[in-house]
């Protein structure tokens, strides 16, 4: 992956400028470029050659912190064709689905490419991600966003397919299947056929109704372990001397995640054992 993540700024680098009010601007450095704002102008030459973490001053006297943007910042600011998966959910998908370096991953519902960026980083140069997107206009936006972040085409380890997953899938023995779509339950059988034994299916859905239908579809299929459903909430804290309190705003519900593991061929999971009514003892 030919993109720079450290070292002095160079022409072509994407740089995030943050003002004293924490407002962020992303620019692509050019030898003769100028960043204009109502707080004054900043020639790109003031940044080129400077180390990451420098402070630059606009012609109006406002100071800006200069860093290469983090992936979470980029995905929240990227142009959108469809809604993006928030970094908190993308991070949970990568972590809880155990997307590892060298993994072969199928993603269905590429949206604007936010999750794709996380998956490509997780699988690394030796892994591979195949993304399926039904709508060509969304696929075009996703391709541009991914290639902008990684500094060019990702042909060696990313394939973007415009089409329906069930109708177009041609892979087998993949390690992970990630479904971000309105009706992931319709793709459970296709995911089961593509996954290697021990592989993980992980679905991202927005509503409790979708979550319920997805869980029941995975449960009824017979090739997966008992599905696990959860959501992640993020709350910042205000820390100023002894004034320590939860922030007034938080990133609450964005979506639900449902995951399960592929059983070996011909093997069905043991029947679930539930607590009897009227007792808290485990069976």
Protein backbone atom coordinates (compact mmCIF):
# COMPACT_ATOMS: atom_id res chain seq x y z
CA UNK A 1 0.00 0.00 0.00
CA UNK A 2 1.84 3.10 -1.24
CA UNK A 3 0.76 5.81 1.18
CA UNK A 4 2.85 7.76 3.67
CA UNK A 5 1.95 7.56 7.34
CA UNK A 6 5.00 9.26 8.90
CA UNK A 7 7.93 11.54 8.18
CA UNK A 8 8.03 15.20 7.12
CA UNK A 9 5.13 16.48 5.02
CA UNK A 10 5.60 16.24 1.26
CA UNK A 11 3.65 17.44 -1.76
CA UNK A 12 0.76 15.04 -2.32
CA UNK A 13 0.23 14.31 1.39
CA UNK A 14 -3.21 14.78 2.88
CA UNK A 15 -2.94 16.99 5.95
CA UNK A 16 -5.54 17.76 8.61
CA UNK A 17 -5.47 21.31 10.00
CA UNK A 18 -7.22 21.91 13.33
CA UNK A 19 -7.99 25.42 14.60
CA UNK A 20 -8.30 26.49 18.28
CA UNK A 21 -12.03 25.67 18.23
CA UNK A 22 -11.23 22.11 17.09
CA UNK A 23 -12.64 22.70 13.61
CA UNK A 24 -10.81 20.47 11.14
CA UNK A 25 -9.90 20.96 7.50
CA UNK A 26 -8.26 18.38 5.24
CA UNK A 27 -6.03 19.58 2.41
CA UNK A 28 -3.80 17.87 -0.15
CA UNK A 29 -0.42 19.58 -0.24
CA UNK A 30 0.77 21.13 -3.51
CA UNK A 31 4.03 22.97 -4.15
CA UNK A 32 2.21 26.20 -5.09
CA UNK A 33 -1.02 25.55 -3.16
CA UNK A 34 -2.68 27.91 -0.67
CA UNK A 35 -5.29 27.04 1.95
CA UNK A 36 -7.80 29.90 2.23
CA UNK A 37 -10.04 30.49 5.22
CA UNK A 38 -11.88 33.47 6.71
CA UNK A 39 -9.10 33.46 9.31
CA UNK A 40 -6.45 34.05 6.66
CA UNK A 41 -4.40 32.05 4.17
CA UNK A 42 -1.74 29.38 4.69
CA UNK A 43 0.68 28.63 1.84
CA UNK A 44 1.24 24.89 1.48
CA UNK A 45 4.97 25.66 1.35
CA UNK A 46 4.74 26.54 5.07
CA UNK A 47 3.90 22.86 5.69
CA UNK A 48 6.02 21.01 3.14
CA UNK A 49 9.17 19.75 4.83
CA UNK A 50 7.80 20.29 8.34
CA UNK A 51 7.43 17.36 10.76
CA UNK A 52 4.00 16.02 11.59
CA UNK A 53 2.60 17.71 14.69
CA UNK A 54 3.78 21.18 13.65
CA UNK A 55 1.86 24.42 14.21
CA UNK A 56 1.33 26.83 11.31
CA UNK A 57 -0.07 30.35 11.46
CA UNK A 58 -2.48 31.84 8.93
CA UNK A 59 -2.03 35.33 7.55
CA UNK A 60 -4.77 36.39 9.98
CA UNK A 61 -2.77 35.14 12.96
CA UNK A 62 -4.75 31.96 13.75
CA UNK A 63 -2.69 28.92 14.67
CA UNK A 64 -3.44 25.48 13.24
CA UNK A 65 -2.22 22.07 14.33
CA UNK A 66 -1.02 20.01 11.36
CA UNK A 67 -1.23 16.21 11.32
CA UNK A 68 -1.90 13.51 8.79
CA UNK A 69 -5.48 12.55 9.44
CA UNK A 70 -6.32 9.35 11.25
CA UNK A 71 -8.51 6.81 9.47
CA UNK A 72 -11.39 7.61 11.83
CA UNK A 73 -11.19 11.30 10.92
CA UNK A 74 -11.01 10.54 7.20
CA UNK A 75 -14.05 8.25 7.19
CA UNK A 76 -16.22 10.79 9.02
CA UNK A 77 -15.25 13.55 6.59
CA UNK A 78 -15.22 11.56 3.32
CA UNK A 79 -17.75 12.30 0.54
CA UNK A 80 -20.78 10.07 0.96
CA UNK A 81 -22.92 8.18 -1.48
CA UNK A 82 -24.51 6.21 1.33
CA UNK A 83 -24.26 6.51 5.10
CA UNK A 84 -20.87 5.49 6.47
CA UNK A 85 -20.23 3.00 9.26
CA UNK A 86 -19.02 4.98 12.27
CA UNK A 87 -15.43 4.32 13.40
CA UNK A 88 -16.69 2.83 16.67
CA UNK A 89 -18.61 0.15 14.74
CA UNK A 90 -15.91 -0.41 12.10
CA UNK A 91 -13.39 -0.92 14.89
CA UNK A 92 -15.68 -3.42 16.61
CA UNK A 93 -16.18 -5.32 13.36
CA UNK A 94 -12.42 -5.57 12.80
CA UNK A 95 -11.82 -6.57 16.42
CA UNK A 96 -14.78 -8.79 17.25
CA UNK A 97 -14.77 -10.53 13.85
CA UNK A 98 -11.00 -11.00 14.28
CA UNK A 99 -10.05 -9.67 10.85
CA UNK A 100 -6.37 -10.61 10.77
CA UNK A 101 -3.39 -9.85 8.49
CA UNK A 102 -3.58 -12.10 5.45
CA UNK A 103 -7.31 -12.79 5.82
CA UNK A 104 -9.61 -13.21 2.83
CA UNK A 105 -12.71 -11.08 3.47
CA UNK A 106 -15.99 -10.59 1.64
CA UNK A 107 -17.85 -7.34 2.28
CA UNK A 108 -21.37 -6.78 0.95
CA UNK A 109 -22.85 -3.29 0.98
CA UNK A 110 -19.77 -1.13 0.40
CA UNK A 111 -21.66 2.16 0.91
CA UNK A 112 -19.13 4.99 0.81
CA UNK A 113 -16.08 2.82 1.48
CA UNK A 114 -15.50 3.61 5.16
CA UNK A 115 -15.53 0.01 6.38
CA UNK A 116 -13.53 -1.02 3.31
CA UNK A 117 -10.69 1.25 4.42
CA UNK A 118 -10.65 -0.41 7.86
CA UNK A 119 -10.78 -3.91 6.38
CA UNK A 120 -7.95 -3.26 3.91
CA UNK A 121 -5.73 -2.00 6.70
CA UNK A 122 -6.56 -5.01 8.86
CA UNK A 123 -5.86 -7.67 6.20
CA UNK A 124 -2.65 -5.95 5.10
CA UNK A 125 -0.75 -6.41 1.82
CA UNK A 126 -0.99 -10.21 2.01
CA UNK A 127 -4.77 -10.30 2.53
CA UNK A 128 -7.65 -9.62 0.17
CA UNK A 129 -11.02 -7.89 0.38
CA UNK A 130 -13.82 -8.37 -2.14
CA UNK A 131 -16.57 -5.76 -1.86
CA UNK A 132 -20.03 -6.21 -3.41
CA UNK A 133 -22.24 -3.18 -4.02
CA UNK A 134 -25.56 -3.25 -5.87
CA UNK A 135 -25.61 0.44 -6.80
CA UNK A 136 -22.99 1.63 -9.26
CA UNK A 137 -23.11 5.24 -8.04
CA UNK A 138 -22.26 4.10 -4.49
CA UNK A 139 -19.47 1.89 -5.82
CA UNK A 140 -17.97 4.86 -7.70
CA UNK A 141 -17.95 7.00 -4.54
CA UNK A 142 -16.43 4.15 -2.51
CA UNK A 143 -13.66 3.53 -5.03
CA UNK A 144 -12.69 7.22 -5.04
CA UNK A 145 -12.69 7.39 -1.22
CA UNK A 146 -10.60 4.26 -0.79
CA UNK A 147 -8.08 5.21 -3.46
CA UNK A 148 -7.77 8.74 -2.08
CA UNK A 149 -6.96 7.46 1.41
CA UNK A 150 -4.48 4.83 0.23
CA UNK A 151 -2.91 7.03 -2.42
CA UNK A 152 -3.94 5.11 -5.52
CA UNK A 153 -5.54 1.91 -6.88
CA UNK A 154 -5.65 -1.11 -4.57
CA UNK A 155 -5.82 -3.72 -7.32
CA UNK A 156 -3.45 -6.14 -5.57
CA UNK A 157 -5.71 -6.81 -2.60
CA UNK A 158 -9.11 -5.25 -3.30
CA UNK A 159 -11.81 -6.18 -5.80
CA UNK A 160 -14.96 -4.08 -6.10
CA UNK A 161 -17.89 -5.88 -7.74
CA UNK A 162 -21.02 -4.00 -8.82
CA UNK A 163 -23.78 -6.54 -8.33
CA UNK A 164 -25.80 -8.56 -5.86
CA UNK A 165 -23.80 -10.78 -3.50
CA UNK A 166 -26.03 -13.85 -3.88
CA UNK A 167 -26.02 -13.64 -7.67
CA UNK A 168 -22.38 -12.63 -8.15
CA UNK A 169 -20.36 -14.38 -5.45
CA UNK A 170 -17.65 -16.66 -6.82
CA UNK A 171 -15.33 -17.14 -3.83
CA UNK A 172 -14.88 -20.10 -1.49
CA UNK A 173 -12.90 -20.76 1.69
CA UNK A 174 -12.96 -17.11 2.76
CA UNK A 175 -12.19 -16.23 6.36
CA UNK A 176 -14.73 -13.51 7.07
CA UNK A 177 -18.02 -12.28 5.57
CA UNK A 178 -19.21 -8.79 6.59
CA UNK A 179 -22.77 -7.82 5.62
CA UNK A 180 -23.87 -4.17 5.78
CA UNK A 181 -27.26 -4.09 4.06
CA UNK A 182 -31.00 -3.79 4.63
CA UNK A 183 -31.71 -7.53 4.54
CA UNK A 184 -28.59 -9.53 5.50
CA UNK A 185 -30.76 -12.57 6.30
CA UNK A 186 -31.19 -13.03 2.54
CA UNK A 187 -27.43 -13.62 2.20
CA UNK A 188 -26.84 -16.05 5.09
CA UNK A 189 -26.83 -19.13 2.86
CA UNK A 190 -24.42 -17.53 0.37
CA UNK A 191 -22.16 -16.54 3.26
CA UNK A 192 -22.22 -20.09 4.64
CA UNK A 193 -21.17 -21.52 1.27
CA UNK A 194 -18.31 -19.03 0.94
CA UNK A 195 -16.93 -19.30 4.47
CA UNK A 196 -14.30 -21.79 5.52
CA UNK A 197 -15.09 -23.82 8.69
CA UNK A 198 -14.28 -21.61 11.65
CA UNK A 199 -14.88 -18.45 9.60
CA UNK A 200 -16.93 -15.56 10.96
CA UNK A 201 -20.06 -13.89 9.63
CA UNK A 202 -20.69 -10.38 10.99
CA UNK A 203 -23.78 -8.32 10.11
CA UNK A 204 -24.36 -4.61 10.69
CA UNK A 205 -28.01 -3.53 10.95
CA UNK A 206 -29.80 -0.39 12.10
CA UNK A 207 -33.03 -1.55 13.77
CA UNK A 208 -34.17 -4.15 16.30
CA UNK A 209 -36.44 -5.73 13.68
CA UNK A 210 -33.49 -6.25 11.34
CA UNK A 211 -31.41 -7.58 14.20
CA UNK A 212 -34.10 -10.10 15.17
CA UNK A 213 -34.58 -11.37 11.60
CA UNK A 214 -30.82 -11.67 11.13
CA UNK A 215 -30.32 -13.62 14.35
CA UNK A 216 -33.18 -16.00 13.54
CA UNK A 217 -31.91 -16.56 9.98
CA UNK A 218 -28.41 -17.43 11.21
CA UNK A 219 -29.84 -19.61 13.98
CA UNK A 220 -32.21 -21.46 11.64
CA UNK A 221 -29.61 -22.04 8.93
CA UNK A 222 -27.94 -24.79 10.94
CA UNK A 223 -24.33 -24.17 9.82
CA UNK A 224 -23.44 -21.53 12.40
CA UNK A 225 -22.83 -21.28 16.12
CA UNK A 226 -25.37 -19.42 18.26
CA UNK A 227 -25.33 -15.79 17.00
CA UNK A 228 -24.14 -13.01 19.27
CA UNK A 229 -25.90 -9.61 19.05
CA UNK A 230 -24.67 -6.38 20.61
CA UNK A 231 -24.15 -2.63 20.18
CA UNK A 232 -21.43 -0.22 21.25
CA UNK A 233 -21.96 3.19 22.87
CA UNK A 234 -19.20 5.79 23.17
CA UNK A 235 -19.23 8.54 25.79
CA UNK A 236 -16.50 11.18 26.02
CA UNK A 237 -15.47 12.75 29.32
CA UNK A 238 -14.73 16.37 30.15
CA UNK A 239 -11.53 16.60 32.21
CA UNK A 240 -10.43 20.06 33.37
CA UNK A 241 -8.51 19.99 36.64
CA UNK A 242 -10.89 18.68 39.28
CA UNK A 243 -13.90 19.25 37.04
CA UNK A 244 -14.33 15.71 35.76
CA UNK A 245 -17.70 14.68 34.35
CA UNK A 246 -19.29 12.86 31.44
CA UNK A 247 -19.60 14.98 28.32
CA UNK A 248 -23.08 16.31 27.60
CA UNK A 249 -23.18 14.58 24.23
CA UNK A 250 -22.28 11.04 23.27
CA UNK A 251 -22.29 8.74 20.25
CA UNK A 252 -25.24 6.57 21.16
CA UNK A 253 -27.01 4.11 18.92
CA UNK A 254 -25.69 3.84 15.40
CA UNK A 255 -26.30 0.18 14.65
CA UNK A 256 -26.36 -3.40 15.93
CA UNK A 257 -23.79 -6.09 15.20
CA UNK A 258 -24.58 -9.79 14.89
CA UNK A 259 -21.84 -12.38 14.56
CA UNK A 260 -21.47 -16.17 14.46
CA UNK A 261 -18.92 -18.78 13.39
CA UNK A 262 -19.20 -21.30 10.58
CA UNK A 263 -19.46 -24.92 11.70
CA UNK A 264 -17.67 -27.76 9.91
CA UNK A 265 -19.51 -29.25 6.94
CA UNK A 266 -22.13 -31.76 8.00
CA UNK A 267 -22.00 -30.69 11.65
CA UNK A 268 -24.88 -28.94 13.40
CA UNK A 269 -24.53 -27.03 16.66
CA UNK A 270 -25.83 -28.67 19.85
CA UNK A 271 -29.39 -27.64 20.81
CA UNK A 272 -29.57 -24.51 22.93
CA UNK A 273 -30.21 -25.03 26.62
CA UNK A 274 -32.25 -22.35 28.33
CA UNK A 275 -32.93 -21.53 31.94
CA UNK A 276 -36.24 -22.93 33.16
CA UNK A 277 -38.86 -20.40 34.14
CA UNK A 278 -38.83 -19.40 37.77
CA UNK A 279 -35.15 -20.12 38.49
CA UNK A 280 -31.81 -18.45 37.95
CA UNK A 281 -29.80 -21.67 38.02
CA UNK A 282 -27.98 -22.74 34.87
CA UNK A 283 -29.02 -26.03 33.34
